[in-house]
Amino acid sequence: MAEMTHAQRVSAARDFAERWKDRGAEKSDTQQFWIDLCSNVLGMEDQTTALHFESRTTGAGWIDVAVPDAKTFLEQKASLQAGELIGKLYKLLHEQNVDPDSAASQHALNVLCVRLMFCLFAEDAGIFLKNAVLNYLAPVNAPAMRLALKRLFKQLDTPMDLRDPYDEQALAVIPYVNGGLFTDANVEIPNFADEIRELLITELSADTEWSQISPTIFGGVFESTLNPETRHAGGMHYTSPENIHKVIDPLFLNALTDELASIINEPGVGAVKRRNNLKRYHDKLAGLTFFEAFNPTWVQNGGALALAT
């Protein structure tokens, strides 16, 4: 099912409310009601396996419908919406490039989108001060946006003790980010039109809560951002946590989980001994080394990174 726009979803919700107005009985129509809502309004696929009807509670009651993967479903929806906006930004910036189809321009545009996505997530997730990037960019008009982004990226790559003490406050509060994401100062940034500025400032920053997007599905946003040819050539594909677990669980994670459970639940063990056992287990984890066959042109996705942490 194609992802609905906000207007389409509002229209679908109104249609749903009209269909079910003064209609239905709890016993006979519950399943139809929930399937209709989840399918035609929320856009949920495969409702027959996603929805669990008449699930028993821990007491003596029953739940009309349970969605075990509801959190994942909502995160995926948020990821898709964010991915669409980033994809729209990519397209508009691509049209502004002097030589949009060159390999260098495409690489630069990919880097720019990833940098912006990191900043958007960081200011919503508490890595940066809340709205730090938004507050810096919001007063900037479209013609000045290109240079403002260059200053922002340079600031993100500059340690605190090497900064200009006379930077304006909105720029001074931007933290240093190590790791090299912002190191290349020569990454091409095209000119911004008013439409692109509005998309970045309003839709992507002010109106999107990036902290609601799980790191485990950031790979999905990366796939929406990078052009298909680049992703295919580089082997860049998002791997879900479920598929990652299919590999790592039988290899080592199940055994480590069972070992931890046995330490925690071992009967007749005092607090001191249990703490010592946990310390030895912690030291064991710190000493484990895992080998991954890794192609340097690949990119690690959010699922693998989140599981690794």
C-alpha atoms as a PDB file:
ATOM      1  CA  MET A   1       0.000   0.000   0.000  1.00  0.00           C
ATOM      2  CA  ALA A   2       1.352   3.416  -1.014  1.00  0.00           C
ATOM      3  CA  GLU A   3       2.063   5.794   1.855  1.00  0.00           C
ATOM      4  CA  MET A   4      -0.780   8.315   2.266  1.00  0.00           C
ATOM      5  CA  THR A   5      -0.252  12.029   2.534  1.00  0.00           C
ATOM      6  CA  HIS A   6      -1.546  13.862   5.611  1.00  0.00           C
ATOM      7  CA  ALA A   7      -4.539  15.171   3.638  1.00  0.00           C
ATOM      8  CA  GLN A   8      -5.353  11.679   2.352  1.00  0.00           C
ATOM      9  CA  ARG A   9      -5.138  10.262   5.874  1.00  0.00           C
ATOM     10  CA  VAL A  10      -7.495  12.951   7.223  1.00  0.00           C
ATOM     11  CA  SER A  11      -9.941  12.191   4.418  1.00  0.00           C
ATOM     12  CA  ALA A  12      -9.686   8.450   5.102  1.00  0.00           C
ATOM     13  CA  ALA A  13     -10.358   9.032   8.812  1.00  0.00           C
ATOM     14  CA  ARG A  14     -13.473  11.048   8.002  1.00  0.00           C
ATOM     15  CA  ASP A  15     -14.706   8.345   5.638  1.00  0.00           C
ATOM     16  CA  PHE A  16     -14.056   5.718   8.312  1.00  0.00           C
ATOM     17  CA  ALA A  17     -16.005   7.694  10.918  1.00  0.00           C
ATOM     18  CA  GLU A  18     -18.912   8.094   8.508  1.00  0.00           C
ATOM     19  CA  ARG A  19     -18.955   4.373   7.652  1.00  0.00           C
ATOM     20  CA  TRP A  20     -19.115   3.356  11.300  1.00  0.00           C
ATOM     21  CA  LYS A  21     -21.465   6.069  12.540  1.00  0.00           C
ATOM     22  CA  ASP A  22     -24.388   4.413  14.391  1.00  0.00           C
ATOM     23  CA  ARG A  23     -23.260   1.030  13.100  1.00  0.00           C
ATOM     24  CA  GLY A  24     -21.930  -2.186  14.546  1.00  0.00           C
ATOM     25  CA  ALA A  25     -22.149  -4.417  17.568  1.00  0.00           C
ATOM     26  CA  GLU A  26     -19.200  -5.199  19.814  1.00  0.00           C
ATOM     27  CA  LYS A  27     -19.458  -8.962  19.466  1.00  0.00           C
ATOM     28  CA  SER A  28     -20.130  -9.245  15.748  1.00  0.00           C
ATOM     29  CA  ASP A  29     -18.280  -6.284  14.232  1.00  0.00           C
ATOM     30  CA  THR A  30     -15.166  -5.791  16.359  1.00  0.00           C
ATOM     31  CA  GLN A  31     -12.766  -7.444  13.931  1.00  0.00           C
ATOM     32  CA  GLN A  32     -14.176  -5.659  10.869  1.00  0.00           C
ATOM     33  CA  PHE A  33     -13.957  -2.318  12.719  1.00  0.00           C
ATOM     34  CA  TRP A  34     -10.297  -2.714  13.656  1.00  0.00           C
ATOM     35  CA  ILE A  35      -9.238  -4.160  10.301  1.00  0.00           C
ATOM     36  CA  ASP A  36     -10.949  -1.253   8.511  1.00  0.00           C
ATOM     37  CA  LEU A  37      -9.279   1.314  10.796  1.00  0.00           C
ATOM     38  CA  CYS A  38      -5.797  -0.187  10.632  1.00  0.00           C
ATOM     39  CA  SER A  39      -5.908  -0.845   6.906  1.00  0.00           C
ATOM     40  CA  ASN A  40      -7.690   2.147   5.416  1.00  0.00           C
ATOM     41  CA  VAL A  41      -6.723   4.886   7.886  1.00  0.00           C
ATOM     42  CA  LEU A  42      -3.418   3.805   9.433  1.00  0.00           C
ATOM     43  CA  GLY A  43      -2.113   2.032   6.338  1.00  0.00           C
ATOM     44  CA  MET A  44      -1.149  -1.136   8.196  1.00  0.00           C
ATOM     45  CA  GLU A  45      -0.350  -4.079   5.942  1.00  0.00           C
ATOM     46  CA  ASP A  46      -1.012  -7.763   6.680  1.00  0.00           C
ATOM     47  CA  GLN A  47      -3.606  -7.116   9.370  1.00  0.00           C
ATOM     48  CA  THR A  48      -4.366 -10.835   9.762  1.00  0.00           C
ATOM     49  CA  THR A  49      -1.008 -11.422  11.433  1.00  0.00           C
ATOM     50  CA  ALA A  50      -0.408  -7.951  12.922  1.00  0.00           C
ATOM     51  CA  LEU A  51      -3.693  -7.807  14.871  1.00  0.00           C
ATOM     52  CA  HIS A  52      -4.400 -10.222  17.729  1.00  0.00           C
ATOM     53  CA  PHE A  53      -8.098 -10.374  18.618  1.00  0.00           C
ATOM     54  CA  GLU A  54      -9.585 -11.338  21.989  1.00  0.00           C
ATOM     55  CA  SER A  55      -6.238 -11.715  23.754  1.00  0.00           C
ATOM     56  CA  ARG A  56      -6.480 -12.799  27.390  1.00  0.00           C
ATOM     57  CA  THR A  57      -5.154 -10.370  29.995  1.00  0.00           C
ATOM     58  CA  THR A  58      -3.178 -11.325  33.089  1.00  0.00           C
ATOM     59  CA  GLY A  59      -6.434 -11.092  35.025  1.00  0.00           C
ATOM     60  CA  ALA A  60      -9.769 -12.533  33.993  1.00  0.00           C
ATOM     61  CA  GLY A  61     -10.463 -10.139  31.144  1.00  0.00           C
ATOM     62  CA  TRP A  62      -9.975  -9.976  27.400  1.00  0.00           C
ATOM     63  CA  ILE A  63      -8.575  -7.308  25.065  1.00  0.00           C
ATOM     64  CA  ASP A  64     -10.605  -6.612  21.917  1.00  0.00           C
ATOM     65  CA  VAL A  65      -7.464  -6.192  19.829  1.00  0.00           C
ATOM     66  CA  ALA A  66      -3.756  -6.143  20.588  1.00  0.00           C
ATOM     67  CA  VAL A  67      -0.952  -5.021  18.271  1.00  0.00           C
ATOM     68  CA  PRO A  68       2.290  -6.549  19.606  1.00  0.00           C
ATOM     69  CA  ASP A  69       4.380  -4.632  17.089  1.00  0.00           C
ATOM     70  CA  ALA A  70       2.546  -1.302  17.509  1.00  0.00           C
ATOM     71  CA  LYS A  71       5.688   0.595  18.575  1.00  0.00           C
ATOM     72  CA  THR A  72       7.630  -0.719  15.589  1.00  0.00           C
ATOM     73  CA  PHE A  73       4.686   0.060  13.298  1.00  0.00           C
ATOM     74  CA  LEU A  74       4.506   3.684  14.491  1.00  0.00           C
ATOM     75  CA  GLU A  75       8.285   4.074  14.208  1.00  0.00           C
ATOM     76  CA  GLN A  76       8.184   2.721  10.665  1.00  0.00           C
ATOM     77  CA  LYS A  77       5.446   5.192   9.751  1.00  0.00           C
ATOM     78  CA  ALA A  78       7.479   8.059  11.199  1.00  0.00           C
ATOM     79  CA  SER A  79      10.541   6.819   9.337  1.00  0.00           C
ATOM     80  CA  LEU A  80       8.681   6.638   6.035  1.00  0.00           C
ATOM     81  CA  GLN A  81       7.319  10.162   6.448  1.00  0.00           C
ATOM     82  CA  ALA A  82      10.751  11.526   7.333  1.00  0.00           C
ATOM     83  CA  GLY A  83      12.243   9.616   4.422  1.00  0.00           C
ATOM     84  CA  GLU A  84       9.744  11.167   2.033  1.00  0.00           C
ATOM     85  CA  LEU A  85      10.655  14.662   3.230  1.00  0.00           C
ATOM     86  CA  ILE A  86      14.384  13.980   2.940  1.00  0.00           C
ATOM     87  CA  GLY A  87      13.762  12.528  -0.523  1.00  0.00           C
ATOM     88  CA  LYS A  88      11.905  15.694  -1.480  1.00  0.00           C
ATOM     89  CA  LEU A  89      14.782  17.810  -0.158  1.00  0.00           C
ATOM     90  CA  TYR A  90      17.243  15.687  -2.148  1.00  0.00           C
ATOM     91  CA  LYS A  91      15.255  16.191  -5.355  1.00  0.00           C
ATOM     92  CA  LEU A  92      14.979  19.960  -4.946  1.00  0.00           C
ATOM     93  CA  LEU A  93      18.669  20.370  -4.100  1.00  0.00           C
ATOM     94  CA  HIS A  94      19.612  18.090  -6.990  1.00  0.00           C
ATOM     95  CA  GLU A  95      17.867  20.490  -9.366  1.00  0.00           C
ATOM     96  CA  GLN A  96      19.968  23.381  -7.994  1.00  0.00           C
ATOM     97  CA  ASN A  97      23.339  21.732  -8.661  1.00  0.00           C
ATOM     98  CA  VAL A  98      25.470  23.092 -11.487  1.00  0.00           C
ATOM     99  CA  ASP A  99      26.288  19.577 -12.710  1.00  0.00           C
ATOM    100  CA  PRO A 100      23.637  17.454 -10.964  1.00  0.00           C
ATOM    101  CA  ASP A 101      24.410  14.145 -12.632  1.00  0.00           C
ATOM    102  CA  SER A 102      28.152  14.083 -12.003  1.00  0.00           C
ATOM    103  CA  ALA A 103      29.457  11.544  -9.512  1.00  0.00           C
ATOM    104  CA  ALA A 104      31.001  14.306  -7.395  1.00  0.00           C
ATOM    105  CA  SER A 105      27.748  16.266  -7.155  1.00  0.00           C
ATOM    106  CA  GLN A 106      25.731  13.180  -6.275  1.00  0.00           C
ATOM    107  CA  HIS A 107      28.209  12.221  -3.573  1.00  0.00           C
ATOM    108  CA  ALA A 108      28.190  15.752  -2.167  1.00  0.00           C
ATOM    109  CA  LEU A 109      24.389  15.821  -2.120  1.00  0.00           C
ATOM    110  CA  ASN A 110      24.258  12.481  -0.307  1.00  0.00           C
ATOM    111  CA  VAL A 111      26.702  13.786   2.309  1.00  0.00           C
ATOM    112  CA  LEU A 112      24.715  17.011   2.701  1.00  0.00           C
ATOM    113  CA  CYS A 113      21.442  15.144   3.291  1.00  0.00           C
ATOM    114  CA  VAL A 114      23.027  12.789   5.806  1.00  0.00           C
ATOM    115  CA  ARG A 115      24.611  15.723   7.662  1.00  0.00           C
ATOM    116  CA  LEU A 116      21.283  17.525   7.828  1.00  0.00           C
ATOM    117  CA  MET A 117      19.482  14.395   8.979  1.00  0.00           C
ATOM    118  CA  PHE A 118      22.032  13.915  11.764  1.00  0.00           C
ATOM    119  CA  CYS A 119      21.544  17.511  12.919  1.00  0.00           C
ATOM    120  CA  LEU A 120      17.762  17.178  12.883  1.00  0.00           C
ATOM    121  CA  PHE A 121      17.887  14.011  14.957  1.00  0.00           C
ATOM    122  CA  ALA A 122      20.529  15.362  17.340  1.00  0.00           C
ATOM    123  CA  GLU A 123      18.570  18.488  18.281  1.00  0.00           C
ATOM    124  CA  ASP A 124      15.386  16.494  18.928  1.00  0.00           C
ATOM    125  CA  ALA A 125      17.048  13.599  20.758  1.00  0.00           C
ATOM    126  CA  GLY A 126      18.968  15.715  23.264  1.00  0.00           C
ATOM    127  CA  ILE A 127      22.421  15.312  21.703  1.00  0.00           C
ATOM    128  CA  PHE A 128      22.328  19.029  20.898  1.00  0.00           C
ATOM    129  CA  LEU A 129      20.370  21.667  22.793  1.00  0.00           C
ATOM    130  CA  LYS A 130      16.699  21.535  21.808  1.00  0.00           C
ATOM    131  CA  ASN A 131      16.177  23.341  18.481  1.00  0.00           C
ATOM    132  CA  ALA A 132      19.819  24.458  18.408  1.00  0.00           C
ATOM    133  CA  VAL A 133      20.110  24.030  14.642  1.00  0.00           C
ATOM    134  CA  LEU A 134      16.612  25.386  14.012  1.00  0.00           C
ATOM    135  CA  ASN A 135      17.340  28.513  16.062  1.00  0.00           C
ATOM    136  CA  TYR A 136      20.549  29.095  14.097  1.00  0.00           C
ATOM    137  CA  LEU A 137      19.027  28.589  10.644  1.00  0.00           C
ATOM    138  CA  ALA A 138      15.525  30.042  11.105  1.00  0.00           C
ATOM    139  CA  PRO A 139      16.582  33.731  10.760  1.00  0.00           C
ATOM    140  CA  VAL A 140      18.585  32.964   7.607  1.00  0.00           C
ATOM    141  CA  ASN A 141      16.943  33.782   4.262  1.00  0.00           C
ATOM    142  CA  ALA A 142      17.260  31.506   1.248  1.00  0.00           C
ATOM    143  CA  PRO A 143      20.161  33.300  -0.531  1.00  0.00           C
ATOM    144  CA  ALA A 144      22.261  33.173   2.665  1.00  0.00           C
ATOM    145  CA  MET A 145      21.432  29.564   3.576  1.00  0.00           C
ATOM    146  CA  ARG A 146      24.346  28.045   1.668  1.00  0.00           C
ATOM    147  CA  LEU A 147      26.996  30.014   3.582  1.00  0.00           C
ATOM    148  CA  ALA A 148      25.132  29.510   6.863  1.00  0.00           C
ATOM    149  CA  LEU A 149      25.313  25.739   6.403  1.00  0.00           C
ATOM    150  CA  LYS A 150      29.015  25.946   5.621  1.00  0.00           C
ATOM    151  CA  ARG A 151      29.566  27.805   8.907  1.00  0.00           C
ATOM    152  CA  LEU A 152      27.398  25.305  10.777  1.00  0.00           C
ATOM    153  CA  PHE A 153      29.317  22.298   9.462  1.00  0.00           C
ATOM    154  CA  LYS A 154      32.666  23.961  10.191  1.00  0.00           C
ATOM    155  CA  GLN A 155      31.505  24.658  13.749  1.00  0.00           C
ATOM    156  CA  LEU A 156      30.427  21.035  14.212  1.00  0.00           C
ATOM    157  CA  ASP A 157      33.919  19.936  13.178  1.00  0.00           C
ATOM    158  CA  THR A 158      35.775  22.417  15.431  1.00  0.00           C
ATOM    159  CA  PRO A 159      36.697  21.429  19.029  1.00  0.00           C
ATOM    160  CA  MET A 160      35.474  23.845  21.679  1.00  0.00           C
ATOM    161  CA  ASP A 161      38.967  25.087  22.606  1.00  0.00           C
ATOM    162  CA  LEU A 162      39.751  26.034  18.994  1.00  0.00           C
ATOM    163  CA  ARG A 163      36.664  28.119  18.321  1.00  0.00           C
ATOM    164  CA  ASP A 164      36.306  31.833  17.733  1.00  0.00           C
ATOM    165  CA  PRO A 165      35.310  33.331  21.100  1.00  0.00           C
ATOM    166  CA  TYR A 166      33.295  36.000  19.266  1.00  0.00           C
ATOM    167  CA  ASP A 167      30.882  33.622  17.514  1.00  0.00           C
ATOM    168  CA  GLU A 168      27.254  34.683  17.852  1.00  0.00           C
ATOM    169  CA  GLN A 169      25.347  32.794  20.555  1.00  0.00           C
ATOM    170  CA  ALA A 170      23.235  30.749  18.135  1.00  0.00           C
ATOM    171  CA  LEU A 171      26.424  29.332  16.605  1.00  0.00           C
ATOM    172  CA  ALA A 172      28.438  29.130  19.827  1.00  0.00           C
ATOM    173  CA  VAL A 173      26.011  26.630  21.408  1.00  0.00           C
ATOM    174  CA  ILE A 174      26.491  24.160  18.556  1.00  0.00           C
ATOM    175  CA  PRO A 175      28.615  21.300  19.981  1.00  0.00           C
ATOM    176  CA  TYR A 176      31.682  19.656  18.511  1.00  0.00           C
ATOM    177  CA  VAL A 177      30.966  16.334  16.780  1.00  0.00           C
ATOM    178  CA  ASN A 178      33.879  13.964  16.292  1.00  0.00           C
ATOM    179  CA  GLY A 179      33.944  11.031  13.901  1.00  0.00           C
ATOM    180  CA  GLY A 180      34.609  12.867  10.648  1.00  0.00           C
ATOM    181  CA  LEU A 181      31.048  13.386   9.392  1.00  0.00           C
ATOM    182  CA  PHE A 182      31.619  17.143   9.093  1.00  0.00           C
ATOM    183  CA  THR A 183      35.344  17.141   8.331  1.00  0.00           C
ATOM    184  CA  ASP A 184      35.304  17.638   4.555  1.00  0.00           C
ATOM    185  CA  ALA A 185      34.850  21.390   4.141  1.00  0.00           C
ATOM    186  CA  ASN A 186      34.799  21.134   0.340  1.00  0.00           C
ATOM    187  CA  VAL A 187      31.511  19.242   0.081  1.00  0.00           C
ATOM    188  CA  GLU A 188      29.416  21.073  -2.491  1.00  0.00           C
ATOM    189  CA  ILE A 189      26.312  22.853  -1.172  1.00  0.00           C
ATOM    190  CA  PRO A 190      23.983  24.240  -3.865  1.00  0.00           C
ATOM    191  CA  ASN A 191      22.030  27.465  -3.593  1.00  0.00           C
ATOM    192  CA  PHE A 192      18.733  27.360  -1.706  1.00  0.00           C
ATOM    193  CA  ALA A 193      15.457  28.558  -3.179  1.00  0.00           C
ATOM    194  CA  ASP A 194      12.662  29.767  -0.881  1.00  0.00           C
ATOM    195  CA  GLU A 195      10.854  26.434  -1.291  1.00  0.00           C
ATOM    196  CA  ILE A 196      13.932  24.485  -0.166  1.00  0.00           C
ATOM    197  CA  ARG A 197      14.486  26.740   2.831  1.00  0.00           C
ATOM    198  CA  GLU A 198      10.844  26.385   3.884  1.00  0.00           C
ATOM    199  CA  LEU A 199      11.036  22.601   3.546  1.00  0.00           C
ATOM    200  CA  LEU A 200      14.144  22.421   5.731  1.00  0.00           C
ATOM    201  CA  ILE A 201      13.118  24.950   8.386  1.00  0.00           C
ATOM    202  CA  THR A 202       9.415  24.153   8.702  1.00  0.00           C
ATOM    203  CA  GLU A 203       8.583  20.647   7.507  1.00  0.00           C
ATOM    204  CA  LEU A 204      11.836  18.874   8.342  1.00  0.00           C
ATOM    205  CA  SER A 205      12.888  20.734  11.483  1.00  0.00           C
ATOM    206  CA  ALA A 206       9.987  22.460  13.244  1.00  0.00           C
ATOM    207  CA  ASP A 207       7.197  20.050  12.239  1.00  0.00           C
ATOM    208  CA  THR A 208       9.008  16.698  12.491  1.00  0.00           C
ATOM    209  CA  GLU A 209       9.912  15.083  15.819  1.00  0.00           C
ATOM    210  CA  TRP A 210      13.051  13.181  14.848  1.00  0.00           C
ATOM    211  CA  SER A 211      13.493  11.651  18.284  1.00  0.00           C
ATOM    212  CA  GLN A 212      10.418   9.517  17.548  1.00  0.00           C
ATOM    213  CA  ILE A 213      12.347   7.738  14.804  1.00  0.00           C
ATOM    214  CA  SER A 214      14.106   4.684  16.187  1.00  0.00           C
ATOM    215  CA  PRO A 215      17.826   4.378  15.356  1.00  0.00           C
ATOM    216  CA  THR A 216      17.079   0.788  14.346  1.00  0.00           C
ATOM    217  CA  ILE A 217      15.208   2.006  11.301  1.00  0.00           C
ATOM    218  CA  PHE A 218      17.350   4.973  10.322  1.00  0.00           C
ATOM    219  CA  GLY A 219      18.631   2.793   7.522  1.00  0.00           C
ATOM    220  CA  GLY A 220      15.208   3.124   5.944  1.00  0.00           C
ATOM    221  CA  VAL A 221      15.597   6.876   5.858  1.00  0.00           C
ATOM    222  CA  PHE A 222      19.084   6.525   4.365  1.00  0.00           C
ATOM    223  CA  GLU A 223      17.623   4.344   1.616  1.00  0.00           C
ATOM    224  CA  SER A 224      14.991   7.006   0.906  1.00  0.00           C
ATOM    225  CA  THR A 225      17.679   9.698   0.840  1.00  0.00           C
ATOM    226  CA  LEU A 226      20.402   8.222  -1.331  1.00  0.00           C
ATOM    227  CA  ASN A 227      19.698   7.751  -5.003  1.00  0.00           C
ATOM    228  CA  PRO A 228      19.103   4.094  -6.013  1.00  0.00           C
ATOM    229  CA  GLU A 229      22.090   3.874  -8.346  1.00  0.00           C
ATOM    230  CA  THR A 230      24.496   5.000  -5.621  1.00  0.00           C
ATOM    231  CA  ARG A 231      23.018   2.597  -3.075  1.00  0.00           C
ATOM    232  CA  HIS A 232      23.121  -0.332  -5.495  1.00  0.00           C
ATOM    233  CA  ALA A 233      26.704   0.348  -6.546  1.00  0.00           C
ATOM    234  CA  GLY A 234      27.845   0.617  -2.944  1.00  0.00           C
ATOM    235  CA  GLY A 235      25.859  -2.311  -1.597  1.00  0.00           C
ATOM    236  CA  MET A 236      24.007   0.012   0.787  1.00  0.00           C
ATOM    237  CA  HIS A 237      20.836  -1.698   1.934  1.00  0.00           C
ATOM    238  CA  TYR A 238      18.904  -1.496   5.181  1.00  0.00           C
ATOM    239  CA  THR A 239      18.782  -4.687   7.235  1.00  0.00           C
ATOM    240  CA  SER A 240      15.986  -4.933   9.781  1.00  0.00           C
ATOM    241  CA  PRO A 241      16.754  -5.863  13.411  1.00  0.00           C
ATOM    242  CA  GLU A 242      14.680  -9.008  12.929  1.00  0.00           C
ATOM    243  CA  ASN A 243      16.927 -10.231  10.112  1.00  0.00           C
ATOM    244  CA  ILE A 244      20.054  -9.247  12.017  1.00  0.00           C
ATOM    245  CA  HIS A 245      18.872 -11.310  14.984  1.00  0.00           C
ATOM    246  CA  LYS A 246      18.369 -14.335  12.724  1.00  0.00           C
ATOM    247  CA  VAL A 247      22.136 -14.339  12.244  1.00  0.00           C
ATOM    248  CA  ILE A 248      23.559 -13.186  15.563  1.00  0.00           C
ATOM    249  CA  ASP A 249      21.178 -14.952  17.956  1.00  0.00           C
ATOM    250  CA  PRO A 250      22.263 -18.534  17.201  1.00  0.00           C
ATOM    251  CA  LEU A 251      25.890 -17.475  16.713  1.00  0.00           C
ATOM    252  CA  PHE A 252      26.442 -15.901  20.128  1.00  0.00           C
ATOM    253  CA  LEU A 253      23.622 -13.747  21.497  1.00  0.00           C
ATOM    254  CA  ASN A 254      21.385 -16.560  22.756  1.00  0.00           C
ATOM    255  CA  ALA A 255      24.239 -18.114  24.723  1.00  0.00           C
ATOM    256  CA  LEU A 256      25.241 -14.768  26.227  1.00  0.00           C
ATOM    257  CA  THR A 257      21.640 -13.981  27.150  1.00  0.00           C
ATOM    258  CA  ASP A 258      21.197 -17.378  28.811  1.00  0.00           C
ATOM    259  CA  GLU A 259      24.449 -16.926  30.721  1.00  0.00           C
ATOM    260  CA  LEU A 260      23.331 -13.545  32.059  1.00  0.00           C
ATOM    261  CA  ALA A 261      19.943 -14.940  33.058  1.00  0.00           C
ATOM    262  CA  SER A 262      21.593 -17.796  34.951  1.00  0.00           C
ATOM    263  CA  ILE A 263      23.762 -15.326  36.900  1.00  0.00           C
ATOM    264  CA  ILE A 264      20.798 -13.121  37.780  1.00  0.00           C
ATOM    265  CA  ASN A 265      18.506 -16.009  38.716  1.00  0.00           C
ATOM    266  CA  GLU A 266      21.011 -18.347  40.397  1.00  0.00           C
ATOM    267  CA  PRO A 267      19.398 -19.451  43.682  1.00  0.00           C
ATOM    268  CA  GLY A 268      21.130 -19.217  47.041  1.00  0.00           C
ATOM    269  CA  VAL A 269      23.654 -16.595  45.949  1.00  0.00           C
ATOM    270  CA  GLY A 270      24.293 -13.517  48.073  1.00  0.00           C
ATOM    271  CA  ALA A 271      24.511  -9.969  46.795  1.00  0.00           C
ATOM    272  CA  VAL A 272      28.314  -9.812  46.951  1.00  0.00           C
ATOM    273  CA  LYS A 273      28.854 -13.036  45.009  1.00  0.00           C
ATOM    274  CA  ARG A 274      26.210 -12.114  42.433  1.00  0.00           C
ATOM    275  CA  ARG A 275      27.860  -8.735  41.933  1.00  0.00           C
ATOM    276  CA  ASN A 276      31.237 -10.441  41.451  1.00  0.00           C
ATOM    277  CA  ASN A 277      29.701 -12.861  38.944  1.00  0.00           C
ATOM    278  CA  LEU A 278      28.170  -9.960  37.036  1.00  0.00           C
ATOM    279  CA  LYS A 279      31.529  -8.163  37.056  1.00  0.00           C
ATOM    280  CA  ARG A 280      33.218 -11.243  35.543  1.00  0.00           C
ATOM    281  CA  TYR A 281      30.450 -11.449  32.945  1.00  0.00           C
ATOM    282  CA  HIS A 282      30.932  -7.762  32.126  1.00  0.00           C
ATOM    283  CA  ASP A 283      34.677  -8.288  31.713  1.00  0.00           C
ATOM    284  CA  LYS A 284      33.986 -11.269  29.464  1.00  0.00           C
ATOM    285  CA  LEU A 285      31.751  -9.146  27.218  1.00  0.00           C
ATOM    286  CA  ALA A 286      34.412  -6.452  27.028  1.00  0.00           C
ATOM    287  CA  GLY A 287      36.949  -9.018  25.862  1.00  0.00           C
ATOM    288  CA  LEU A 288      34.869 -10.585  23.096  1.00  0.00           C
ATOM    289  CA  THR A 289      35.912  -9.958  19.507  1.00  0.00           C
ATOM    290  CA  PHE A 290      33.622 -10.516  16.532  1.00  0.00           C
ATOM    291  CA  PHE A 291      34.635 -10.636  12.903  1.00  0.00           C
ATOM    292  CA  GLU A 292      32.344  -9.251  10.231  1.00  0.00           C
ATOM    293  CA  ALA A 293      33.117  -9.649   6.554  1.00  0.00           C
ATOM    294  CA  PHE A 294      32.942  -5.998   5.593  1.00  0.00           C
ATOM    295  CA  ASN A 295      33.205  -4.249   2.254  1.00  0.00           C
ATOM    296  CA  PRO A 296      34.669  -0.725   2.729  1.00  0.00           C
ATOM    297  CA  THR A 297      32.130   0.681   0.254  1.00  0.00           C
ATOM    298  CA  TRP A 298      29.194  -0.511   2.348  1.00  0.00           C
ATOM    299  CA  VAL A 299      27.461   1.656   4.917  1.00  0.00           C
ATOM    300  CA  GLN A 300      26.385   0.359   8.306  1.00  0.00           C
ATOM    301  CA  ASN A 301      22.681   0.896   8.810  1.00  0.00           C
ATOM    302  CA  GLY A 302      20.758   2.009  11.858  1.00  0.00           C
ATOM    303  CA  GLY A 303      19.651  -1.522  12.693  1.00  0.00           C
ATOM    304  CA  ALA A 304      23.167  -2.881  13.054  1.00  0.00           C
ATOM    305  CA  LEU A 305      24.427   0.172  14.896  1.00  0.00           C
ATOM    306  CA  ALA A 306      21.591   0.152  17.404  1.00  0.00           C
ATOM    307  CA  LEU A 307      21.982  -3.566  18.072  1.00  0.00           C
ATOM    308  CA  ALA A 308      25.717  -3.125  18.478  1.00  0.00           C
ATOM    309  CA  THR A 309      25.173  -0.564  21.217  1.00  0.00           C
END
